[in-house]
Amino acid sequence: MGISDWSGTSVNWAAALVAFKQALAPIFPRVETWRSAGAFIDGVLSGVERKTGWMLAEQAGLERPYRIQSLLGRSSWDSDQLCTLIRDQAVDALGDNGVLVIDETGFVKS
């Protein structure tokens, strides 16, 4: 059963995710950084219970978390351009009068 089966939509989420990651390529000046960003996104969207650098690295098949940590702390990429891209995609998806609500209250707190 795919995500589209239980989400009530016929969107091909795997293809949409690949397209999204391709759209991110101009934001990252190095291909290695862009690949790390893709691995980070895959890890965050995965079923890994804890989203730590170590867990995300393991999910990506890496031996150590250095690439993930470098992406978040030391790599050079344009965060303003990323925000603009995300904002534009949200407006395209939701329209001018759309509302997106993210409610984290359902997550178990430790």
PDB file of N, CA and C in Angstrom:
ATOM      1  N   MET A   1       0.850  -1.173   0.000  1.00  0.00           N
ATOM      2  CA  MET A   1       0.000   0.000   0.000  1.00  0.00           C
ATOM      3  C   MET A   1       0.897   1.239   0.000  1.00  0.00           C
ATOM      4  N   GLY A   2       0.667   2.126  -0.938  1.00  0.00           N
ATOM      5  CA  GLY A   2       1.436   3.360  -1.013  1.00  0.00           C
ATOM      6  C   GLY A   2       0.784   4.484  -0.222  1.00  0.00           C
ATOM      7  N   ILE A   3       1.517   5.562  -0.074  1.00  0.00           N
ATOM      8  CA  ILE A   3       0.997   6.715   0.661  1.00  0.00           C
ATOM      9  C   ILE A   3      -0.274   7.239   0.010  1.00  0.00           C
ATOM     10  N   SER A   4      -0.316   7.252  -1.319  1.00  0.00           N
ATOM     11  CA  SER A   4      -1.493   7.790  -1.993  1.00  0.00           C
ATOM     12  C   SER A   4      -2.742   6.960  -1.709  1.00  0.00           C
ATOM     13  N   ASP A   5      -2.566   5.683  -1.365  1.00  0.00           N
ATOM     14  CA  ASP A   5      -3.723   4.841  -1.059  1.00  0.00           C
ATOM     15  C   ASP A   5      -4.414   5.267   0.228  1.00  0.00           C
ATOM     16  N   TRP A   6      -3.647   5.586   1.263  1.00  0.00           N
ATOM     17  CA  TRP A   6      -4.271   5.929   2.526  1.00  0.00           C
ATOM     18  C   TRP A   6      -4.453   7.425   2.726  1.00  0.00           C
ATOM     19  N   SER A   7      -3.807   8.244   1.898  1.00  0.00           N
ATOM     20  CA  SER A   7      -3.946   9.685   2.080  1.00  0.00           C
ATOM     21  C   SER A   7      -5.145  10.250   1.325  1.00  0.00           C
ATOM     22  N   GLY A   8      -5.769   9.431   0.496  1.00  0.00           N
ATOM     23  CA  GLY A   8      -6.942   9.904  -0.224  1.00  0.00           C
ATOM     24  C   GLY A   8      -6.609  10.758  -1.433  1.00  0.00           C
ATOM     25  N   THR A   9      -5.400  10.648  -1.930  1.00  0.00           N
ATOM     26  CA  THR A   9      -5.001  11.422  -3.098  1.00  0.00           C
ATOM     27  C   THR A   9      -4.278  10.510  -4.084  1.00  0.00           C
ATOM     28  N   SER A  10      -4.256  10.920  -5.320  1.00  0.00           N
ATOM     29  CA  SER A  10      -3.580  10.118  -6.331  1.00  0.00           C
ATOM     30  C   SER A  10      -2.207  10.687  -6.687  1.00  0.00           C
ATOM     31  N   VAL A  11      -1.685  11.566  -5.842  1.00  0.00           N
ATOM     32  CA  VAL A  11      -0.371  12.152  -6.084  1.00  0.00           C
ATOM     33  C   VAL A  11       0.703  11.072  -5.951  1.00  0.00           C
ATOM     34  N   ASN A  12       1.619  11.036  -6.887  1.00  0.00           N
ATOM     35  CA  ASN A  12       2.761  10.130  -6.807  1.00  0.00           C
ATOM     36  C   ASN A  12       3.801  10.808  -5.918  1.00  0.00           C
ATOM     37  N   TRP A  13       3.781  10.485  -4.614  1.00  0.00           N
ATOM     38  CA  TRP A  13       4.629  11.168  -3.644  1.00  0.00           C
ATOM     39  C   TRP A  13       6.102  10.934  -3.903  1.00  0.00           C
ATOM     40  N   ALA A  14       6.469   9.754  -4.350  1.00  0.00           N
ATOM     41  CA  ALA A  14       7.884   9.467  -4.612  1.00  0.00           C
ATOM     42  C   ALA A  14       8.409  10.371  -5.730  1.00  0.00           C
ATOM     43  N   ALA A  15       7.644  10.506  -6.793  1.00  0.00           N
ATOM     44  CA  ALA A  15       8.051  11.372  -7.909  1.00  0.00           C
ATOM     45  C   ALA A  15       8.051  12.837  -7.488  1.00  0.00           C
ATOM     46  N   ALA A  16       7.080  13.225  -6.672  1.00  0.00           N
ATOM     47  CA  ALA A  16       7.019  14.610  -6.191  1.00  0.00           C
ATOM     48  C   ALA A  16       8.216  14.928  -5.304  1.00  0.00           C
ATOM     49  N   LEU A  17       8.651  13.973  -4.488  1.00  0.00           N
ATOM     50  CA  LEU A  17       9.807  14.184  -3.625  1.00  0.00           C
ATOM     51  C   LEU A  17      11.082  14.314  -4.452  1.00  0.00           C
ATOM     52  N   VAL A  18      11.224  13.487  -5.470  1.00  0.00           N
ATOM     53  CA  VAL A  18      12.389  13.585  -6.362  1.00  0.00           C
ATOM     54  C   VAL A  18      12.400  14.947  -7.047  1.00  0.00           C
ATOM     55  N   ALA A  19      11.254  15.402  -7.532  1.00  0.00           N
ATOM     56  CA  ALA A  19      11.171  16.710  -8.188  1.00  0.00           C
ATOM     57  C   ALA A  19      11.502  17.832  -7.210  1.00  0.00           C
ATOM     58  N   PHE A  20      11.028  17.707  -5.976  1.00  0.00           N
ATOM     59  CA  PHE A  20      11.314  18.718  -4.956  1.00  0.00           C
ATOM     60  C   PHE A  20      12.818  18.806  -4.700  1.00  0.00           C
ATOM     61  N   LYS A  21      13.460  17.646  -4.551  1.00  0.00           N
ATOM     62  CA  LYS A  21      14.896  17.644  -4.288  1.00  0.00           C
ATOM     63  C   LYS A  21      15.676  18.186  -5.490  1.00  0.00           C
ATOM     64  N   GLN A  22      15.196  17.938  -6.697  1.00  0.00           N
ATOM     65  CA  GLN A  22      15.829  18.505  -7.888  1.00  0.00           C
ATOM     66  C   GLN A  22      15.720  20.028  -7.882  1.00  0.00           C
ATOM     67  N   ALA A  23      14.564  20.544  -7.429  1.00  0.00           N
ATOM     68  CA  ALA A  23      14.366  21.994  -7.368  1.00  0.00           C
ATOM     69  C   ALA A  23      15.305  22.654  -6.364  1.00  0.00           C
ATOM     70  N   LEU A  24      15.794  21.881  -5.397  1.00  0.00           N
ATOM     71  CA  LEU A  24      16.717  22.411  -4.394  1.00  0.00           C
ATOM     72  C   LEU A  24      18.143  22.552  -4.912  1.00  0.00           C
ATOM     73  N   ALA A  25      18.478  21.910  -6.004  1.00  0.00           N
ATOM     74  CA  ALA A  25      19.860  21.871  -6.489  1.00  0.00           C
ATOM     75  C   ALA A  25      20.504  23.252  -6.632  1.00  0.00           C
ATOM     76  N   PRO A  26      19.829  24.265  -7.164  1.00  0.00           N
ATOM     77  CA  PRO A  26      20.493  25.568  -7.319  1.00  0.00           C
ATOM     78  C   PRO A  26      20.842  26.252  -5.987  1.00  0.00           C
ATOM     79  N   ILE A  27      20.230  25.829  -4.911  1.00  0.00           N
ATOM     80  CA  ILE A  27      20.471  26.450  -3.604  1.00  0.00           C
ATOM     81  C   ILE A  27      21.827  26.020  -3.044  1.00  0.00           C
ATOM     82  N   PHE A  28      22.269  24.845  -3.407  1.00  0.00           N
ATOM     83  CA  PHE A  28      23.503  24.279  -2.866  1.00  0.00           C
ATOM     84  C   PHE A  28      24.611  24.364  -3.907  1.00  0.00           C
ATOM     85  N   PRO A  29      25.689  25.114  -3.610  1.00  0.00           N
ATOM     86  CA  PRO A  29      26.740  25.319  -4.608  1.00  0.00           C
ATOM     87  C   PRO A  29      27.557  24.069  -4.924  1.00  0.00           C
ATOM     88  N   ARG A  30      27.555  23.093  -4.030  1.00  0.00           N
ATOM     89  CA  ARG A  30      28.305  21.860  -4.251  1.00  0.00           C
ATOM     90  C   ARG A  30      27.341  20.686  -4.347  1.00  0.00           C
ATOM     91  N   VAL A  31      27.595  19.771  -5.246  1.00  0.00           N
ATOM     92  CA  VAL A  31      26.731  18.613  -5.430  1.00  0.00           C
ATOM     93  C   VAL A  31      26.715  17.740  -4.177  1.00  0.00           C
ATOM     94  N   GLU A  32      27.830  17.683  -3.464  1.00  0.00           N
ATOM     95  CA  GLU A  32      27.896  16.883  -2.243  1.00  0.00           C
ATOM     96  C   GLU A  32      26.943  17.434  -1.177  1.00  0.00           C
ATOM     97  N   THR A  33      26.888  18.748  -1.081  1.00  0.00           N
ATOM     98  CA  THR A  33      25.989  19.382  -0.115  1.00  0.00           C
ATOM     99  C   THR A  33      24.538  19.133  -0.497  1.00  0.00           C
ATOM    100  N   TRP A  34      24.238  19.213  -1.782  1.00  0.00           N
ATOM    101  CA  TRP A  34      22.880  18.947  -2.259  1.00  0.00           C
ATOM    102  C   TRP A  34      22.482  17.497  -1.974  1.00  0.00           C
ATOM    103  N   ARG A  35      23.408  16.561  -2.158  1.00  0.00           N
ATOM    104  CA  ARG A  35      23.121  15.152  -1.854  1.00  0.00           C
ATOM    105  C   ARG A  35      22.888  14.953  -0.355  1.00  0.00           C
ATOM    106  N   SER A  36      23.671  15.636   0.464  1.00  0.00           N
ATOM    107  CA  SER A  36      23.465  15.557   1.916  1.00  0.00           C
ATOM    108  C   SER A  36      22.101  16.120   2.297  1.00  0.00           C
ATOM    109  N   ALA A  37      21.694  17.188   1.630  1.00  0.00           N
ATOM    110  CA  ALA A  37      20.370  17.763   1.892  1.00  0.00           C
ATOM    111  C   ALA A  37      19.280  16.763   1.527  1.00  0.00           C
ATOM    112  N   GLY A  38      19.456  16.058   0.416  1.00  0.00           N
ATOM    113  CA  GLY A  38      18.489  15.030   0.028  1.00  0.00           C
ATOM    114  C   GLY A  38      18.427  13.906   1.040  1.00  0.00           C
ATOM    115  N   ALA A  39      19.589  13.497   1.548  1.00  0.00           N
ATOM    116  CA  ALA A  39      19.633  12.450   2.571  1.00  0.00           C
ATOM    117  C   ALA A  39      18.972  12.932   3.857  1.00  0.00           C
ATOM    118  N   PHE A  40      19.181  14.194   4.198  1.00  0.00           N
ATOM    119  CA  PHE A  40      18.562  14.774   5.386  1.00  0.00           C
ATOM    120  C   PHE A  40      17.041  14.766   5.249  1.00  0.00           C
ATOM    121  N   ILE A  41      16.539  15.195   4.109  1.00  0.00           N
ATOM    122  CA  ILE A  41      15.087  15.207   3.867  1.00  0.00           C
ATOM    123  C   ILE A  41      14.523  13.793   3.945  1.00  0.00           C
ATOM    124  N   ASP A  42      15.187  12.847   3.303  1.00  0.00           N
ATOM    125  CA  ASP A  42      14.734  11.457   3.359  1.00  0.00           C
ATOM    126  C   ASP A  42      14.681  10.957   4.799  1.00  0.00           C
ATOM    127  N   GLY A  43      15.704  11.311   5.582  1.00  0.00           N
ATOM    128  CA  GLY A  43      15.743  10.879   6.978  1.00  0.00           C
ATOM    129  C   GLY A  43      14.632  11.490   7.803  1.00  0.00           C
ATOM    130  N   VAL A  44      14.379  12.779   7.608  1.00  0.00           N
ATOM    131  CA  VAL A  44      13.327  13.450   8.363  1.00  0.00           C
ATOM    132  C   VAL A  44      11.954  12.862   8.014  1.00  0.00           C
ATOM    133  N   LEU A  45      11.769  12.479   6.768  1.00  0.00           N
ATOM    134  CA  LEU A  45      10.487  11.905   6.340  1.00  0.00           C
ATOM    135  C   LEU A  45      10.384  10.410   6.622  1.00  0.00           C
ATOM    136  N   SER A  46      11.462   9.806   7.075  1.00  0.00           N
ATOM    137  CA  SER A  46      11.467   8.360   7.310  1.00  0.00           C
ATOM    138  C   SER A  46      10.746   8.012   8.609  1.00  0.00           C
ATOM    139  N   GLY A  47      10.660   6.728   8.869  1.00  0.00           N
ATOM    140  CA  GLY A  47      10.015   6.249  10.082  1.00  0.00           C
ATOM    141  C   GLY A  47      10.948   6.172  11.275  1.00  0.00           C
ATOM    142  N   VAL A  48      12.161   6.701  11.149  1.00  0.00           N
ATOM    143  CA  VAL A  48      13.100   6.691  12.268  1.00  0.00           C
ATOM    144  C   VAL A  48      12.462   7.438  13.433  1.00  0.00           C
ATOM    145  N   GLU A  49      12.481   6.807  14.607  1.00  0.00           N
ATOM    146  CA  GLU A  49      11.785   7.385  15.759  1.00  0.00           C
ATOM    147  C   GLU A  49      12.403   8.698  16.207  1.00  0.00           C
ATOM    148  N   ARG A  50      13.714   8.722  16.378  1.00  0.00           N
ATOM    149  CA  ARG A  50      14.402   9.937  16.822  1.00  0.00           C
ATOM    150  C   ARG A  50      15.168  10.499  15.642  1.00  0.00           C
ATOM    151  N   LYS A  51      15.026  11.766  15.397  1.00  0.00           N
ATOM    152  CA  LYS A  51      15.651  12.403  14.236  1.00  0.00           C
ATOM    153  C   LYS A  51      16.964  13.104  14.616  1.00  0.00           C
ATOM    154  N   THR A  52      17.872  12.375  15.260  1.00  0.00           N
ATOM    155  CA  THR A  52      19.175  12.918  15.605  1.00  0.00           C
ATOM    156  C   THR A  52      20.113  12.807  14.412  1.00  0.00           C
ATOM    157  N   GLY A  53      21.247  13.513  14.478  1.00  0.00           N
ATOM    158  CA  GLY A  53      22.229  13.419  13.405  1.00  0.00           C
ATOM    159  C   GLY A  53      22.693  11.999  13.173  1.00  0.00           C
ATOM    160  N   TRP A  54      22.920  11.265  14.259  1.00  0.00           N
ATOM    161  CA  TRP A  54      23.341   9.875  14.131  1.00  0.00           C
ATOM    162  C   TRP A  54      22.267   9.027  13.459  1.00  0.00           C
ATOM    163  N   MET A  55      21.024   9.188  13.886  1.00  0.00           N
ATOM    164  CA  MET A  55      19.936   8.377  13.328  1.00  0.00           C
ATOM    165  C   MET A  55      19.703   8.702  11.853  1.00  0.00           C
ATOM    166  N   LEU A  56      19.761   9.993  11.510  1.00  0.00           N
ATOM    167  CA  LEU A  56      19.572  10.383  10.115  1.00  0.00           C
ATOM    168  C   LEU A  56      20.721   9.864   9.256  1.00  0.00           C
ATOM    169  N   ALA A  57      21.940   9.885   9.802  1.00  0.00           N
ATOM    170  CA  ALA A  57      23.088   9.357   9.061  1.00  0.00           C
ATOM    171  C   ALA A  57      22.948   7.855   8.835  1.00  0.00           C
ATOM    172  N   GLU A  58      22.529   7.134   9.872  1.00  0.00           N
ATOM    173  CA  GLU A  58      22.320   5.690   9.721  1.00  0.00           C
ATOM    174  C   GLU A  58      21.239   5.402   8.690  1.00  0.00           C
ATOM    175  N   GLN A  59      20.175   6.180   8.705  1.00  0.00           N
ATOM    176  CA  GLN A  59      19.085   6.012   7.741  1.00  0.00           C
ATOM    177  C   GLN A  59      19.602   6.202   6.312  1.00  0.00           C
ATOM    178  N   ALA A  60      20.564   7.123   6.148  1.00  0.00           N
ATOM    179  CA  ALA A  60      21.132   7.406   4.828  1.00  0.00           C
ATOM    180  C   ALA A  60      22.234   6.428   4.440  1.00  0.00           C
ATOM    181  N   GLY A  61      22.577   5.499   5.343  1.00  0.00           N
ATOM    182  CA  GLY A  61      23.620   4.532   5.048  1.00  0.00           C
ATOM    183  C   GLY A  61      25.023   5.051   5.303  1.00  0.00           C
ATOM    184  N   LEU A  62      25.138   6.117   6.093  1.00  0.00           N
ATOM    185  CA  LEU A  62      26.440   6.688   6.414  1.00  0.00           C
ATOM    186  C   LEU A  62      26.955   6.082   7.716  1.00  0.00           C
ATOM    187  N   GLU A  63      28.276   5.976   7.831  1.00  0.00           N
ATOM    188  CA  GLU A  63      28.859   5.410   9.048  1.00  0.00           C
ATOM    189  C   GLU A  63      28.871   6.402  10.200  1.00  0.00           C
ATOM    190  N   ARG A  64      28.987   7.680   9.880  1.00  0.00           N
ATOM    191  CA  ARG A  64      29.076   8.726  10.904  1.00  0.00           C
ATOM    192  C   ARG A  64      28.156   9.884  10.505  1.00  0.00           C
ATOM    193  N   PRO A  65      27.811  10.744  11.459  1.00  0.00           N
ATOM    194  CA  PRO A  65      26.872  11.837  11.172  1.00  0.00           C
ATOM    195  C   PRO A  65      27.521  13.094  10.598  1.00  0.00           C
ATOM    196  N   TYR A  66      28.799  13.053  10.218  1.00  0.00           N
ATOM    197  CA  TYR A  66      29.513  14.265   9.856  1.00  0.00           C
ATOM    198  C   TYR A  66      28.900  14.998   8.660  1.00  0.00           C
ATOM    199  N   ARG A  67      28.446  14.268   7.651  1.00  0.00           N
ATOM    200  CA  ARG A  67      27.850  14.929   6.477  1.00  0.00           C
ATOM    201  C   ARG A  67      26.567  15.651   6.845  1.00  0.00           C
ATOM    202  N   ILE A  68      25.738  15.034   7.682  1.00  0.00           N
ATOM    203  CA  ILE A  68      24.496  15.666   8.119  1.00  0.00           C
ATOM    204  C   ILE A  68      24.813  16.876   8.995  1.00  0.00           C
ATOM    205  N   GLN A  69      25.737  16.715   9.932  1.00  0.00           N
ATOM    206  CA  GLN A  69      26.117  17.822  10.803  1.00  0.00           C
ATOM    207  C   GLN A  69      26.747  18.963  10.008  1.00  0.00           C
ATOM    208  N   SER A  70      27.557  18.633   9.023  1.00  0.00           N
ATOM    209  CA  SER A  70      28.178  19.658   8.189  1.00  0.00           C
ATOM    210  C   SER A  70      27.129  20.434   7.403  1.00  0.00           C
ATOM    211  N   LEU A  71      26.147  19.727   6.877  1.00  0.00           N
ATOM    212  CA  LEU A  71      25.067  20.387   6.140  1.00  0.00           C
ATOM    213  C   LEU A  71      24.390  21.443   7.007  1.00  0.00           C
ATOM    214  N   LEU A  72      24.125  21.101   8.245  1.00  0.00           N
ATOM    215  CA  LEU A  72      23.381  21.999   9.124  1.00  0.00           C
ATOM    216  C   LEU A  72      24.250  23.070   9.782  1.00  0.00           C
ATOM    217  N   GLY A  73      25.533  22.802   9.954  1.00  0.00           N
ATOM    218  CA  GLY A  73      26.338  23.733  10.728  1.00  0.00           C
ATOM    219  C   GLY A  73      27.478  24.422  10.010  1.00  0.00           C
ATOM    220  N   ARG A  74      28.047  23.800   8.980  1.00  0.00           N
ATOM    221  CA  ARG A  74      29.244  24.360   8.375  1.00  0.00           C
ATOM    222  C   ARG A  74      29.136  24.623   6.881  1.00  0.00           C
ATOM    223  N   SER A  75      28.212  24.001   6.209  1.00  0.00           N
ATOM    224  CA  SER A  75      28.124  24.146   4.760  1.00  0.00           C
ATOM    225  C   SER A  75      27.582  25.518   4.371  1.00  0.00           C
ATOM    226  N   SER A  76      27.982  25.929   3.183  1.00  0.00           N
ATOM    227  CA  SER A  76      27.532  27.214   2.663  1.00  0.00           C
ATOM    228  C   SER A  76      26.397  26.986   1.670  1.00  0.00           C
ATOM    229  N   TRP A  77      25.221  27.512   2.012  1.00  0.00           N
ATOM    230  CA  TRP A  77      24.082  27.459   1.110  1.00  0.00           C
ATOM    231  C   TRP A  77      23.165  28.610   1.456  1.00  0.00           C
ATOM    232  N   ASP A  78      22.282  28.963   0.532  1.00  0.00           N
ATOM    233  CA  ASP A  78      21.477  30.174   0.645  1.00  0.00           C
ATOM    234  C   ASP A  78      20.138  29.883   1.318  1.00  0.00           C
ATOM    235  N   SER A  79      20.047  30.154   2.605  1.00  0.00           N
ATOM    236  CA  SER A  79      18.810  29.877   3.346  1.00  0.00           C
ATOM    237  C   SER A  79      17.667  30.783   2.894  1.00  0.00           C
ATOM    238  N   ASP A  80      17.975  32.015   2.489  1.00  0.00           N
ATOM    239  CA  ASP A  80      16.919  32.908   2.004  1.00  0.00           C
ATOM    240  C   ASP A  80      16.312  32.379   0.706  1.00  0.00           C
ATOM    241  N   GLN A  81      17.156  31.853  -0.161  1.00  0.00           N
ATOM    242  CA  GLN A  81      16.667  31.266  -1.410  1.00  0.00           C
ATOM    243  C   GLN A  81      15.810  30.028  -1.119  1.00  0.00           C
ATOM    244  N   LEU A  82      16.199  29.241  -0.118  1.00  0.00           N
ATOM    245  CA  LEU A  82      15.410  28.075   0.275  1.00  0.00           C
ATOM    246  C   LEU A  82      14.035  28.507   0.789  1.00  0.00           C
ATOM    247  N   CYS A  83      14.007  29.521   1.644  1.00  0.00           N
ATOM    248  CA  CYS A  83      12.722  30.027   2.164  1.00  0.00           C
ATOM    249  C   CYS A  83      11.822  30.520   1.036  1.00  0.00           C
ATOM    250  N   THR A  84      12.400  31.221   0.084  1.00  0.00           N
ATOM    251  CA  THR A  84      11.627  31.717  -1.060  1.00  0.00           C
ATOM    252  C   THR A  84      11.053  30.560  -1.870  1.00  0.00           C
ATOM    253  N   LEU A  85      11.876  29.546  -2.120  1.00  0.00           N
ATOM    254  CA  LEU A  85      11.414  28.373  -2.868  1.00  0.00           C
ATOM    255  C   LEU A  85      10.255  27.686  -2.158  1.00  0.00           C
ATOM    256  N   ILE A  86      10.396  27.467  -0.845  1.00  0.00           N
ATOM    257  CA  ILE A  86       9.346  26.795  -0.076  1.00  0.00           C
ATOM    258  C   ILE A  86       8.079  27.636  -0.060  1.00  0.00           C
ATOM    259  N   ARG A  87       8.222  28.945   0.157  1.00  0.00           N
ATOM    260  CA  ARG A  87       7.062  29.844   0.175  1.00  0.00           C
ATOM    261  C   ARG A  87       6.340  29.809  -1.172  1.00  0.00           C
ATOM    262  N   ASP A  88       7.089  29.877  -2.273  1.00  0.00           N
ATOM    263  CA  ASP A  88       6.484  29.846  -3.600  1.00  0.00           C
ATOM    264  C   ASP A  88       5.756  28.533  -3.855  1.00  0.00           C
ATOM    265  N   GLN A  89       6.343  27.424  -3.419  1.00  0.00           N
ATOM    266  CA  GLN A  89       5.687  26.129  -3.612  1.00  0.00           C
ATOM    267  C   GLN A  89       4.426  26.019  -2.756  1.00  0.00           C
ATOM    268  N   ALA A  90       4.463  26.567  -1.552  1.00  0.00           N
ATOM    269  CA  ALA A  90       3.269  26.532  -0.693  1.00  0.00           C
ATOM    270  C   ALA A  90       2.152  27.365  -1.297  1.00  0.00           C
ATOM    271  N   VAL A  91       2.470  28.535  -1.824  1.00  0.00           N
ATOM    272  CA  VAL A  91       1.451  29.387  -2.449  1.00  0.00           C
ATOM    273  C   VAL A  91       0.883  28.698  -3.691  1.00  0.00           C
ATOM    274  N   ASP A  92       1.750  28.061  -4.480  1.00  0.00           N
ATOM    275  CA  ASP A  92       1.276  27.328  -5.660  1.00  0.00           C
ATOM    276  C   ASP A  92       0.327  26.200  -5.270  1.00  0.00           C
ATOM    277  N   ALA A  93       0.654  25.495  -4.180  1.00  0.00           N
ATOM    278  CA  ALA A  93      -0.160  24.350  -3.759  1.00  0.00           C
ATOM    279  C   ALA A  93      -1.459  24.774  -3.082  1.00  0.00           C
ATOM    280  N   LEU A  94      -1.408  25.839  -2.291  1.00  0.00           N
ATOM    281  CA  LEU A  94      -2.575  26.234  -1.494  1.00  0.00           C
ATOM    282  C   LEU A  94      -3.411  27.328  -2.132  1.00  0.00           C
ATOM    283  N   GLY A  95      -2.844  28.060  -3.067  1.00  0.00           N
ATOM    284  CA  GLY A  95      -3.567  29.170  -3.669  1.00  0.00           C
ATOM    285  C   GLY A  95      -3.457  30.423  -2.805  1.00  0.00           C
ATOM    286  N   ASP A  96      -4.063  31.483  -3.275  1.00  0.00           N
ATOM    287  CA  ASP A  96      -3.977  32.771  -2.580  1.00  0.00           C
ATOM    288  C   ASP A  96      -4.679  32.772  -1.228  1.00  0.00           C
ATOM    289  N   ASN A  97      -5.734  31.999  -1.085  1.00  0.00           N
ATOM    290  CA  ASN A  97      -6.511  32.016   0.146  1.00  0.00           C
ATOM    291  C   ASN A  97      -6.327  30.750   0.979  1.00  0.00           C
ATOM    292  N   GLY A  98      -5.332  29.949   0.639  1.00  0.00           N
ATOM    293  CA  GLY A  98      -5.111  28.686   1.342  1.00  0.00           C
ATOM    294  C   GLY A  98      -4.524  28.886   2.728  1.00  0.00           C
ATOM    295  N   VAL A  99      -4.766  27.907   3.564  1.00  0.00           N
ATOM    296  CA  VAL A  99      -4.244  27.930   4.928  1.00  0.00           C
ATOM    297  C   VAL A  99      -3.598  26.576   5.200  1.00  0.00           C
ATOM    298  N   LEU A 100      -2.407  26.614   5.762  1.00  0.00           N
ATOM    299  CA  LEU A 100      -1.707  25.397   6.145  1.00  0.00           C
ATOM    300  C   LEU A 100      -1.534  25.422   7.655  1.00  0.00           C
ATOM    301  N   VAL A 101      -2.040  24.388   8.324  1.00  0.00           N
ATOM    302  CA  VAL A 101      -1.962  24.312   9.776  1.00  0.00           C
ATOM    303  C   VAL A 101      -1.132  23.090  10.144  1.00  0.00           C
ATOM    304  N   ILE A 102      -0.117  23.304  10.960  1.00  0.00           N
ATOM    305  CA  ILE A 102       0.711  22.212  11.453  1.00  0.00           C
ATOM    306  C   ILE A 102       0.488  22.132  12.954  1.00  0.00           C
ATOM    307  N   ASP A 103      -0.010  20.996  13.382  1.00  0.00           N
ATOM    308  CA  ASP A 103      -0.360  20.806  14.794  1.00  0.00           C
ATOM    309  C   ASP A 103       0.488  19.687  15.365  1.00  0.00           C
ATOM    310  N   GLU A 104       1.428  20.046  16.223  1.00  0.00           N
ATOM    311  CA  GLU A 104       2.314  19.054  16.826  1.00  0.00           C
ATOM    312  C   GLU A 104       1.779  18.497  18.138  1.00  0.00           C
ATOM    313  N   THR A 105       0.608  18.875  18.544  1.00  0.00           N
ATOM    314  CA  THR A 105       0.099  18.445  19.848  1.00  0.00           C
ATOM    315  C   THR A 105      -0.162  16.955  19.911  1.00  0.00           C
ATOM    316  N   GLY A 106      -0.266  16.282  18.781  1.00  0.00           N
ATOM    317  CA  GLY A 106      -0.529  14.848  18.773  1.00  0.00           C
ATOM    318  C   GLY A 106       0.706  13.995  18.970  1.00  0.00           C
ATOM    319  N   PHE A 107       1.895  14.599  18.953  1.00  0.00           N
ATOM    320  CA  PHE A 107       3.121  13.841  19.118  1.00  0.00           C
ATOM    321  C   PHE A 107       3.388  13.588  20.598  1.00  0.00           C
ATOM    322  N   VAL A 108       3.812  12.388  20.885  1.00  0.00           N
ATOM    323  CA  VAL A 108       4.134  12.016  22.255  1.00  0.00           C
ATOM    324  C   VAL A 108       5.380  12.783  22.685  1.00  0.00           C
ATOM    325  N   LYS A 109       5.305  13.414  23.840  1.00  0.00           N
ATOM    326  CA  LYS A 109       6.441  14.156  24.379  1.00  0.00           C
ATOM    327  C   LYS A 109       7.208  13.256  25.334  1.00  0.00           C
ATOM    328  N   SER A 110       8.518  13.418  25.364  1.00  0.00           N
ATOM    329  CA  SER A 110       9.324  12.602  26.285  1.00  0.00           C
ATOM    330  C   SER A 110       9.800  13.447  27.457  1.00  0.00           C
TER     331      SER A 110
END
